[in-house]
Amino acid sequence: MLTLAILGFLYDEPLHGYELKSRITGLTGHARPVSDGALYPAIARLEKAGLLERRSEPGSGAAPRQVLELTAAGRAELEGRLADPAEAEISDQIRFFTVAAFLDRLTDPVAQAAVLRRRLAFLEAPSSFFYDAQGRPVAAEQESSPFRRGMLLVARASGAAERAWLAGTIADLEGGRAC
């Protein structure tokens, strides 16, 4: 997810590390904050792999700023990751939202729709947070705990909203309409 976010934000424009960290934090929020100890080693790995370049430019003080810029190989890597996300990037909501944040970087509506179809198929598979003794999903209406019932009701509403958005967006993409 961190690599995808780095590539996605640098696809738009060159950034220095602090700006990049701020944008990633804005995307993932409190759920998955990014630390310097995770960000800067990831940047170093991407630079070593030739996916981004670092250049110096004058800073506001005496020290120069290190600006990060995506290479052509980095753009290709991002497009490949977006066209064929890992299974965890489809099944995990925060990871999927990271994919969705940059999915418009794929210029092929058919490829965009294929990713959304994978997420929709995942959401349409029966699942629950809780199961009865026979292994069947517990519906909110059968849950005695008000806290678990609340979790199930919120998940149901959120899932319905996401499925409706996915279905509508897929229809728009496959119908040739811009989203």
C-alpha atoms as a PDB file:
ATOM      1  CA  MET A   1       0.000   0.000   0.000  1.00  0.00           C
ATOM      2  CA  LEU A   2       2.808   2.430   0.862  1.00  0.00           C
ATOM      3  CA  THR A   3       4.591   1.797  -2.434  1.00  0.00           C
ATOM      4  CA  LEU A   4       1.355   2.291  -4.356  1.00  0.00           C
ATOM      5  CA  ALA A   5       0.668   5.579  -2.558  1.00  0.00           C
ATOM      6  CA  ILE A   6       4.201   6.858  -3.172  1.00  0.00           C
ATOM      7  CA  LEU A   7       4.025   6.006  -6.865  1.00  0.00           C
ATOM      8  CA  GLY A   8       0.504   7.407  -7.170  1.00  0.00           C
ATOM      9  CA  PHE A   9       1.247  10.777  -5.616  1.00  0.00           C
ATOM     10  CA  LEU A  10       4.528  11.179  -7.508  1.00  0.00           C
ATOM     11  CA  TYR A  11       2.696  10.327 -10.745  1.00  0.00           C
ATOM     12  CA  ASP A  12       0.911  13.664 -10.373  1.00  0.00           C
ATOM     13  CA  GLU A  13       3.915  15.849  -9.594  1.00  0.00           C
ATOM     14  CA  PRO A  14       7.374  15.844  -8.024  1.00  0.00           C
ATOM     15  CA  LEU A  15       7.252  16.215  -4.229  1.00  0.00           C
ATOM     16  CA  HIS A  16       9.677  16.358  -1.359  1.00  0.00           C
ATOM     17  CA  GLY A  17       9.401  13.782   1.415  1.00  0.00           C
ATOM     18  CA  TYR A  18       7.411  15.907   3.855  1.00  0.00           C
ATOM     19  CA  GLU A  19       4.792  16.774   1.213  1.00  0.00           C
ATOM     20  CA  LEU A  20       4.603  13.128   0.184  1.00  0.00           C
ATOM     21  CA  LYS A  21       4.164  11.999   3.793  1.00  0.00           C
ATOM     22  CA  SER A  22       1.391  14.576   4.323  1.00  0.00           C
ATOM     23  CA  ARG A  23      -0.507  13.365   1.259  1.00  0.00           C
ATOM     24  CA  ILE A  24      -0.184   9.710   2.223  1.00  0.00           C
ATOM     25  CA  THR A  25      -1.346  10.511   5.757  1.00  0.00           C
ATOM     26  CA  GLY A  26      -4.319  12.382   4.301  1.00  0.00           C
ATOM     27  CA  LEU A  27      -5.231   9.331   2.236  1.00  0.00           C
ATOM     28  CA  THR A  28      -4.830   6.670   4.916  1.00  0.00           C
ATOM     29  CA  GLY A  29      -5.618   8.871   7.921  1.00  0.00           C
ATOM     30  CA  HIS A  30      -5.425   7.616  11.446  1.00  0.00           C
ATOM     31  CA  ALA A  31      -6.145   4.049  10.365  1.00  0.00           C
ATOM     32  CA  ARG A  32      -2.667   3.482   8.985  1.00  0.00           C
ATOM     33  CA  PRO A  33      -0.351   6.409   9.721  1.00  0.00           C
ATOM     34  CA  VAL A  34       2.957   6.429   7.884  1.00  0.00           C
ATOM     35  CA  SER A  35       6.115   6.908   9.881  1.00  0.00           C
ATOM     36  CA  ASP A  36       9.442   8.271   8.687  1.00  0.00           C
ATOM     37  CA  GLY A  37      10.882   4.855   9.533  1.00  0.00           C
ATOM     38  CA  ALA A  38       8.607   3.265   6.922  1.00  0.00           C
ATOM     39  CA  LEU A  39       8.479   6.045   4.329  1.00  0.00           C
ATOM     40  CA  TYR A  40      12.141   6.847   3.794  1.00  0.00           C
ATOM     41  CA  PRO A  41      13.353   3.226   3.449  1.00  0.00           C
ATOM     42  CA  ALA A  42      10.501   2.675   0.937  1.00  0.00           C
ATOM     43  CA  ILE A  43      11.634   5.745  -1.004  1.00  0.00           C
ATOM     44  CA  ALA A  44      15.222   4.440  -0.967  1.00  0.00           C
ATOM     45  CA  ARG A  45      14.085   1.034  -2.300  1.00  0.00           C
ATOM     46  CA  LEU A  46      12.075   2.666  -5.095  1.00  0.00           C
ATOM     47  CA  GLU A  47      15.008   4.891  -5.991  1.00  0.00           C
ATOM     48  CA  LYS A  48      17.384   1.914  -6.058  1.00  0.00           C
ATOM     49  CA  ALA A  49      14.909   0.064  -8.320  1.00  0.00           C
ATOM     50  CA  GLY A  50      14.926   3.017 -10.744  1.00  0.00           C
ATOM     51  CA  LEU A  51      11.264   3.876 -10.141  1.00  0.00           C
ATOM     52  CA  LEU A  52      11.946   7.356  -8.823  1.00  0.00           C
ATOM     53  CA  GLU A  53      14.740   9.910  -8.872  1.00  0.00           C
ATOM     54  CA  ARG A  54      15.877  12.346  -6.240  1.00  0.00           C
ATOM     55  CA  ARG A  55      17.145  15.802  -7.076  1.00  0.00           C
ATOM     56  CA  SER A  56      18.155  18.789  -4.998  1.00  0.00           C
ATOM     57  CA  GLU A  57      16.602  22.196  -5.299  1.00  0.00           C
ATOM     58  CA  PRO A  58      17.078  25.285  -3.168  1.00  0.00           C
ATOM     59  CA  GLY A  59      15.135  25.241   0.075  1.00  0.00           C
ATOM     60  CA  SER A  60      13.578  28.131   1.948  1.00  0.00           C
ATOM     61  CA  GLY A  61      16.500  28.065   4.412  1.00  0.00           C
ATOM     62  CA  ALA A  62      20.126  27.212   3.864  1.00  0.00           C
ATOM     63  CA  ALA A  63      19.599  23.492   3.295  1.00  0.00           C
ATOM     64  CA  PRO A  64      18.566  22.258  -0.157  1.00  0.00           C
ATOM     65  CA  ARG A  65      15.357  20.245  -0.480  1.00  0.00           C
ATOM     66  CA  GLN A  66      15.354  16.729  -1.871  1.00  0.00           C
ATOM     67  CA  VAL A  67      12.593  16.460  -4.459  1.00  0.00           C
ATOM     68  CA  LEU A  68      11.320  13.058  -5.573  1.00  0.00           C
ATOM     69  CA  GLU A  69      10.187  12.488  -9.135  1.00  0.00           C
ATOM     70  CA  LEU A  70       8.719   9.413 -10.801  1.00  0.00           C
ATOM     71  CA  THR A  71      10.669   7.881 -13.691  1.00  0.00           C
ATOM     72  CA  ALA A  72       9.128   6.303 -16.780  1.00  0.00           C
ATOM     73  CA  ALA A  73       9.722   2.917 -15.123  1.00  0.00           C
ATOM     74  CA  GLY A  74       7.896   4.203 -12.031  1.00  0.00           C
ATOM     75  CA  ARG A  75       4.917   5.252 -14.138  1.00  0.00           C
ATOM     76  CA  ALA A  76       4.846   1.815 -15.762  1.00  0.00           C
ATOM     77  CA  GLU A  77       5.077   0.145 -12.328  1.00  0.00           C
ATOM     78  CA  LEU A  78       2.134   2.177 -11.028  1.00  0.00           C
ATOM     79  CA  GLU A  79       0.037   1.388 -14.089  1.00  0.00           C
ATOM     80  CA  GLY A  80       0.846  -2.330 -13.735  1.00  0.00           C
ATOM     81  CA  ARG A  81      -0.063  -2.366 -10.048  1.00  0.00           C
ATOM     82  CA  LEU A  82      -3.325  -0.565 -10.771  1.00  0.00           C
ATOM     83  CA  ALA A  83      -4.264  -2.857 -13.654  1.00  0.00           C
ATOM     84  CA  ASP A  84      -3.661  -5.998 -11.580  1.00  0.00           C
ATOM     85  CA  PRO A  85      -3.906  -5.251  -7.850  1.00  0.00           C
ATOM     86  CA  ALA A  86      -2.876  -7.897  -5.344  1.00  0.00           C
ATOM     87  CA  GLU A  87      -5.746  -9.777  -3.703  1.00  0.00           C
ATOM     88  CA  ALA A  88      -5.195  -7.905  -0.422  1.00  0.00           C
ATOM     89  CA  GLU A  89      -5.621  -4.638  -2.330  1.00  0.00           C
ATOM     90  CA  ILE A  90      -9.077  -5.833  -3.370  1.00  0.00           C
ATOM     91  CA  SER A  91     -10.232  -7.389  -0.079  1.00  0.00           C
ATOM     92  CA  ASP A  92      -8.865  -4.822   2.400  1.00  0.00           C
ATOM     93  CA  GLN A  93     -10.926  -1.618   2.327  1.00  0.00           C
ATOM     94  CA  ILE A  94      -8.079   0.807   3.120  1.00  0.00           C
ATOM     95  CA  ARG A  95      -5.830  -0.823   0.529  1.00  0.00           C
ATOM     96  CA  PHE A  96      -8.635  -0.822  -2.032  1.00  0.00           C
ATOM     97  CA  PHE A  97      -9.272   2.866  -1.403  1.00  0.00           C
ATOM     98  CA  THR A  98      -5.578   3.477  -2.125  1.00  0.00           C
ATOM     99  CA  VAL A  99      -5.999   1.670  -5.454  1.00  0.00           C
ATOM    100  CA  ALA A 100      -9.195   3.619  -6.164  1.00  0.00           C
ATOM    101  CA  ALA A 101      -7.478   6.935  -5.371  1.00  0.00           C
ATOM    102  CA  PHE A 102      -5.170   6.435  -8.341  1.00  0.00           C
ATOM    103  CA  LEU A 103      -7.273   4.239 -10.649  1.00  0.00           C
ATOM    104  CA  ASP A 104      -7.910   7.124 -13.025  1.00  0.00           C
ATOM    105  CA  ARG A 105      -4.185   6.964 -13.914  1.00  0.00           C
ATOM    106  CA  LEU A 106      -5.147   3.918 -15.981  1.00  0.00           C
ATOM    107  CA  THR A 107      -6.447   5.369 -19.220  1.00  0.00           C
ATOM    108  CA  ASP A 108      -8.321   2.237 -20.315  1.00  0.00           C
ATOM    109  CA  PRO A 109     -11.909   2.204 -18.985  1.00  0.00           C
ATOM    110  CA  VAL A 110     -12.084  -1.566 -19.541  1.00  0.00           C
ATOM    111  CA  ALA A 111      -9.065  -2.071 -17.266  1.00  0.00           C
ATOM    112  CA  GLN A 112     -10.567   0.281 -14.663  1.00  0.00           C
ATOM    113  CA  ALA A 113     -13.877  -1.606 -14.765  1.00  0.00           C
ATOM    114  CA  ALA A 114     -12.070  -4.953 -14.383  1.00  0.00           C
ATOM    115  CA  VAL A 115     -10.535  -3.783 -11.098  1.00  0.00           C
ATOM    116  CA  LEU A 116     -13.898  -2.528  -9.854  1.00  0.00           C
ATOM    117  CA  ARG A 117     -15.530  -5.843 -10.863  1.00  0.00           C
ATOM    118  CA  ARG A 118     -13.017  -7.705  -8.688  1.00  0.00           C
ATOM    119  CA  ARG A 119     -13.915  -5.537  -5.690  1.00  0.00           C
ATOM    120  CA  LEU A 120     -17.646  -5.933  -6.384  1.00  0.00           C
ATOM    121  CA  ALA A 121     -17.292  -9.724  -6.578  1.00  0.00           C
ATOM    122  CA  PHE A 122     -15.458  -9.699  -3.248  1.00  0.00           C
ATOM    123  CA  LEU A 123     -18.193  -7.604  -1.619  1.00  0.00           C
ATOM    124  CA  GLU A 124     -20.963  -9.822  -2.999  1.00  0.00           C
ATOM    125  CA  ALA A 125     -19.509 -12.987  -1.449  1.00  0.00           C
ATOM    126  CA  PRO A 126     -21.328 -13.931   1.773  1.00  0.00           C
ATOM    127  CA  SER A 127     -19.413 -12.855   4.857  1.00  0.00           C
ATOM    128  CA  SER A 128     -19.863 -11.629   8.388  1.00  0.00           C
ATOM    129  CA  PHE A 129     -17.800 -10.606  11.367  1.00  0.00           C
ATOM    130  CA  PHE A 130     -19.554 -13.250  13.424  1.00  0.00           C
ATOM    131  CA  TYR A 131     -20.742 -16.834  12.834  1.00  0.00           C
ATOM    132  CA  ASP A 132     -23.077 -19.154  14.706  1.00  0.00           C
ATOM    133  CA  ALA A 133     -22.163 -22.623  16.024  1.00  0.00           C
ATOM    134  CA  GLN A 134     -22.913 -24.166  12.602  1.00  0.00           C
ATOM    135  CA  GLY A 135     -20.569 -21.727  10.846  1.00  0.00           C
ATOM    136  CA  ARG A 136     -23.334 -19.631   9.289  1.00  0.00           C
ATOM    137  CA  PRO A 137     -22.990 -15.831   9.156  1.00  0.00           C
ATOM    138  CA  VAL A 138     -24.941 -14.049  11.893  1.00  0.00           C
ATOM    139  CA  ALA A 139     -27.312 -11.349  10.615  1.00  0.00           C
ATOM    140  CA  ALA A 140     -27.635  -8.095  12.531  1.00  0.00           C
ATOM    141  CA  GLU A 141     -31.231  -8.911  13.411  1.00  0.00           C
ATOM    142  CA  GLN A 142     -30.171 -12.125  15.193  1.00  0.00           C
ATOM    143  CA  GLU A 143     -27.262 -10.567  17.104  1.00  0.00           C
ATOM    144  CA  SER A 144     -28.032 -10.061  20.809  1.00  0.00           C
ATOM    145  CA  SER A 145     -25.085  -7.792  21.557  1.00  0.00           C
ATOM    146  CA  PRO A 146     -25.950  -4.175  20.714  1.00  0.00           C
ATOM    147  CA  PHE A 147     -22.299  -3.520  19.884  1.00  0.00           C
ATOM    148  CA  ARG A 148     -21.952  -6.408  17.465  1.00  0.00           C
ATOM    149  CA  ARG A 149     -25.381  -5.560  16.010  1.00  0.00           C
ATOM    150  CA  GLY A 150     -24.136  -2.014  15.442  1.00  0.00           C
ATOM    151  CA  MET A 151     -21.015  -3.278  13.697  1.00  0.00           C
ATOM    152  CA  LEU A 152     -23.122  -5.460  11.423  1.00  0.00           C
ATOM    153  CA  LEU A 153     -25.596  -2.677  10.612  1.00  0.00           C
ATOM    154  CA  VAL A 154     -22.834  -0.177   9.791  1.00  0.00           C
ATOM    155  CA  ALA A 155     -21.023  -2.749   7.645  1.00  0.00           C
ATOM    156  CA  ARG A 156     -24.273  -3.578   5.822  1.00  0.00           C
ATOM    157  CA  ALA A 157     -24.977   0.092   5.035  1.00  0.00           C
ATOM    158  CA  SER A 158     -21.408   0.798   4.010  1.00  0.00           C
ATOM    159  CA  GLY A 159     -21.289  -2.322   1.848  1.00  0.00           C
ATOM    160  CA  ALA A 160     -24.576  -1.427   0.138  1.00  0.00           C
ATOM    161  CA  ALA A 161     -23.318   2.077  -0.637  1.00  0.00           C
ATOM    162  CA  GLU A 162     -20.032   0.769  -2.006  1.00  0.00           C
ATOM    163  CA  ARG A 163     -21.721  -1.914  -4.125  1.00  0.00           C
ATOM    164  CA  ALA A 164     -24.079   0.707  -5.600  1.00  0.00           C
ATOM    165  CA  TRP A 165     -21.156   3.019  -6.413  1.00  0.00           C
ATOM    166  CA  LEU A 166     -19.168   0.152  -7.956  1.00  0.00           C
ATOM    167  CA  ALA A 167     -22.100  -1.032 -10.097  1.00  0.00           C
ATOM    168  CA  GLY A 168     -22.848   2.493 -11.326  1.00  0.00           C
ATOM    169  CA  THR A 169     -19.220   3.284 -12.080  1.00  0.00           C
ATOM    170  CA  ILE A 170     -18.719  -0.025 -13.910  1.00  0.00           C
ATOM    171  CA  ALA A 171     -21.811   0.709 -16.005  1.00  0.00           C
ATOM    172  CA  ASP A 172     -20.473   4.186 -16.808  1.00  0.00           C
ATOM    173  CA  LEU A 173     -17.037   2.823 -17.758  1.00  0.00           C
ATOM    174  CA  GLU A 174     -18.412   0.038 -19.892  1.00  0.00           C
ATOM    175  CA  GLY A 175     -20.977   2.330 -21.472  1.00  0.00           C
ATOM    176  CA  GLY A 176     -18.235   4.682 -22.614  1.00  0.00           C
ATOM    177  CA  ARG A 177     -19.262   7.541 -20.345  1.00  0.00           C
ATOM    178  CA  ALA A 178     -16.612   9.476 -18.471  1.00  0.00           C
ATOM    179  CA  CYS A 179     -16.784   9.035 -14.706  1.00  0.00           C
END
